[in-house]
C-alpha atoms as a PDB file:
ATOM      1  CA  MET A   1     -11.646  -2.248  -0.822  1.00  0.00           C
ATOM      2  CA  ILE A   2      -8.496  -0.026  -0.922  1.00  0.00           C
ATOM      3  CA  GLY A   3      -7.725   3.156  -2.839  1.00  0.00           C
ATOM      4  CA  PHE A   4      -4.458   5.041  -3.642  1.00  0.00           C
ATOM      5  CA  ASP A   5      -4.282   8.883  -3.885  1.00  0.00           C
ATOM      6  CA  TYR A   6      -1.235   9.740  -5.729  1.00  0.00           C
ATOM      7  CA  GLY A   7      -1.461  13.651  -5.464  1.00  0.00           C
ATOM      8  CA  THR A   8       1.047  15.913  -6.631  1.00  0.00           C
ATOM      9  CA  SER A   9       2.324  16.914  -3.111  1.00  0.00           C
ATOM     10  CA  ASN A  10       1.207  13.938  -1.070  1.00  0.00           C
ATOM     11  CA  CYS A  11       0.148  10.354  -1.302  1.00  0.00           C
ATOM     12  CA  ALA A  12      -2.486   8.592   0.828  1.00  0.00           C
ATOM     13  CA  VAL A  13      -3.959   5.087   0.970  1.00  0.00           C
ATOM     14  CA  GLY A  14      -7.344   4.412   2.308  1.00  0.00           C
ATOM     15  CA  ILE A  15      -9.684   1.526   2.932  1.00  0.00           C
ATOM     16  CA  MET A  16     -13.411   1.245   3.328  1.00  0.00           C
ATOM     17  CA  SER A  17     -14.607   0.543   6.821  1.00  0.00           C
ATOM     18  CA  GLN A  18     -18.112   0.032   7.788  1.00  0.00           C
ATOM     19  CA  GLY A  19     -18.939   2.099   4.719  1.00  0.00           C
ATOM     20  CA  GLN A  20     -16.613   4.930   5.214  1.00  0.00           C
ATOM     21  CA  PRO A  21     -13.331   5.714   3.841  1.00  0.00           C
ATOM     22  CA  GLN A  22     -10.406   5.475   6.562  1.00  0.00           C
ATOM     23  CA  LEU A  23      -6.879   6.465   5.813  1.00  0.00           C
ATOM     24  CA  VAL A  24      -4.218   3.799   6.547  1.00  0.00           C
ATOM     25  CA  GLU A  25      -1.111   4.722   8.879  1.00  0.00           C
ATOM     26  CA  LEU A  26       2.048   4.397   6.639  1.00  0.00           C
ATOM     27  CA  GLY A  27       4.495   3.464   9.358  1.00  0.00           C
ATOM     28  CA  ASP A  28       6.804   6.251  10.189  1.00  0.00           C
ATOM     29  CA  TYR A  29       5.183   8.473   7.562  1.00  0.00           C
ATOM     30  CA  GLY A  30       1.705   8.848   9.241  1.00  0.00           C
ATOM     31  CA  ARG A  31      -1.210   8.960   6.990  1.00  0.00           C
ATOM     32  CA  TYR A  32       0.621  11.102   4.178  1.00  0.00           C
ATOM     33  CA  MET A  33       3.745  10.712   2.546  1.00  0.00           C
ATOM     34  CA  SER A  34       5.323  12.911   0.016  1.00  0.00           C
ATOM     35  CA  SER A  35       4.744  12.213  -3.566  1.00  0.00           C
ATOM     36  CA  THR A  36       8.299  11.111  -4.527  1.00  0.00           C
ATOM     37  CA  LEU A  37       7.503   7.426  -4.854  1.00  0.00           C
ATOM     38  CA  TYR A  38       9.524   5.476  -7.472  1.00  0.00           C
ATOM     39  CA  ALA A  39       9.441   1.958  -8.308  1.00  0.00           C
ATOM     40  CA  PRO A  40      10.607  -0.043 -11.457  1.00  0.00           C
ATOM     41  CA  SER A  41       7.211  -1.751 -11.368  1.00  0.00           C
ATOM     42  CA  ARG A  42       3.699  -1.238  -9.678  1.00  0.00           C
ATOM     43  CA  GLU A  43       4.358  -4.803  -8.188  1.00  0.00           C
ATOM     44  CA  VAL A  44       7.051  -3.423  -6.104  1.00  0.00           C
ATOM     45  CA  ILE A  45       4.938  -0.720  -4.482  1.00  0.00           C
ATOM     46  CA  VAL A  46       2.291  -3.335  -3.324  1.00  0.00           C
ATOM     47  CA  ASN A  47       5.178  -5.111  -1.514  1.00  0.00           C
ATOM     48  CA  TRP A  48       6.436  -2.041   0.149  1.00  0.00           C
ATOM     49  CA  LEU A  49       2.984  -0.874   1.040  1.00  0.00           C
ATOM     50  CA  GLN A  50       2.224  -4.347   2.745  1.00  0.00           C
ATOM     51  CA  LYS A  51       5.247  -3.836   4.987  1.00  0.00           C
ATOM     52  CA  GLN A  52       4.099  -0.387   6.037  1.00  0.00           C
ATOM     53  CA  LEU A  53       0.530  -1.561   7.303  1.00  0.00           C
ATOM     54  CA  SER A  54      -0.298  -2.673  10.932  1.00  0.00           C
ATOM     55  CA  GLN A  55      -0.324  -6.448  11.508  1.00  0.00           C
ATOM     56  CA  THR A  56      -4.320  -6.320  11.388  1.00  0.00           C
ATOM     57  CA  ASN A  57      -4.407  -4.713   8.174  1.00  0.00           C
ATOM     58  CA  GLN A  58      -1.655  -6.808   6.705  1.00  0.00           C
ATOM     59  CA  ILE A  59      -3.743  -9.876   7.085  1.00  0.00           C
ATOM     60  CA  THR A  60      -6.662  -8.526   5.038  1.00  0.00           C
ATOM     61  CA  PHE A  61      -4.233  -6.818   2.554  1.00  0.00           C
ATOM     62  CA  ASN A  62      -2.339 -10.314   1.948  1.00  0.00           C
ATOM     63  CA  GLN A  63      -5.536 -12.045   1.456  1.00  0.00           C
ATOM     64  CA  GLN A  64      -6.777  -9.451  -1.296  1.00  0.00           C
ATOM     65  CA  ARG A  65      -3.433  -8.930  -2.995  1.00  0.00           C
ATOM     66  CA  GLN A  66      -2.050 -12.392  -2.850  1.00  0.00           C
ATOM     67  CA  TRP A  67      -1.212 -12.468  -6.601  1.00  0.00           C
ATOM     68  CA  GLN A  68       0.141  -8.883  -6.763  1.00  0.00           C
ATOM     69  CA  LEU A  69       2.650  -9.461  -3.694  1.00  0.00           C
ATOM     70  CA  GLN A  70       3.772 -12.742  -5.263  1.00  0.00           C
ATOM     71  CA  LYS A  71       4.504 -11.079  -8.440  1.00  0.00           C
ATOM     72  CA  GLY A  72       6.272  -8.296  -6.531  1.00  0.00           C
ATOM     73  CA  ARG A  73       8.639 -10.653  -4.914  1.00  0.00           C
ATOM     74  CA  SER A  74       9.283 -12.160  -8.172  1.00  0.00           C
ATOM     75  CA  VAL A  75      10.299  -8.841  -9.714  1.00  0.00           C
ATOM     76  CA  LEU A  76      12.396  -8.109  -6.705  1.00  0.00           C
ATOM     77  CA  ARG A  77      14.483 -11.307  -7.182  1.00  0.00           C
ATOM     78  CA  ASP A  78      15.147 -10.478 -10.936  1.00  0.00           C
END
């Protein structure tokens, strides 16, 4: 399970690990990034987020969000 927190100042992404929420590292941003995220569609955000995850987390993310990732790639081509 993955959760997104779009706060007024900062955003964070978390996953459930052994029944406890755990914040995900977002590449160079650390665990939080400023709330200035813009994308023409939500599918584009899924693709950006996937690229920010560690390779271990990408595997699970890819399995759980296969359809959204495919749709996001399609949106980016258009």
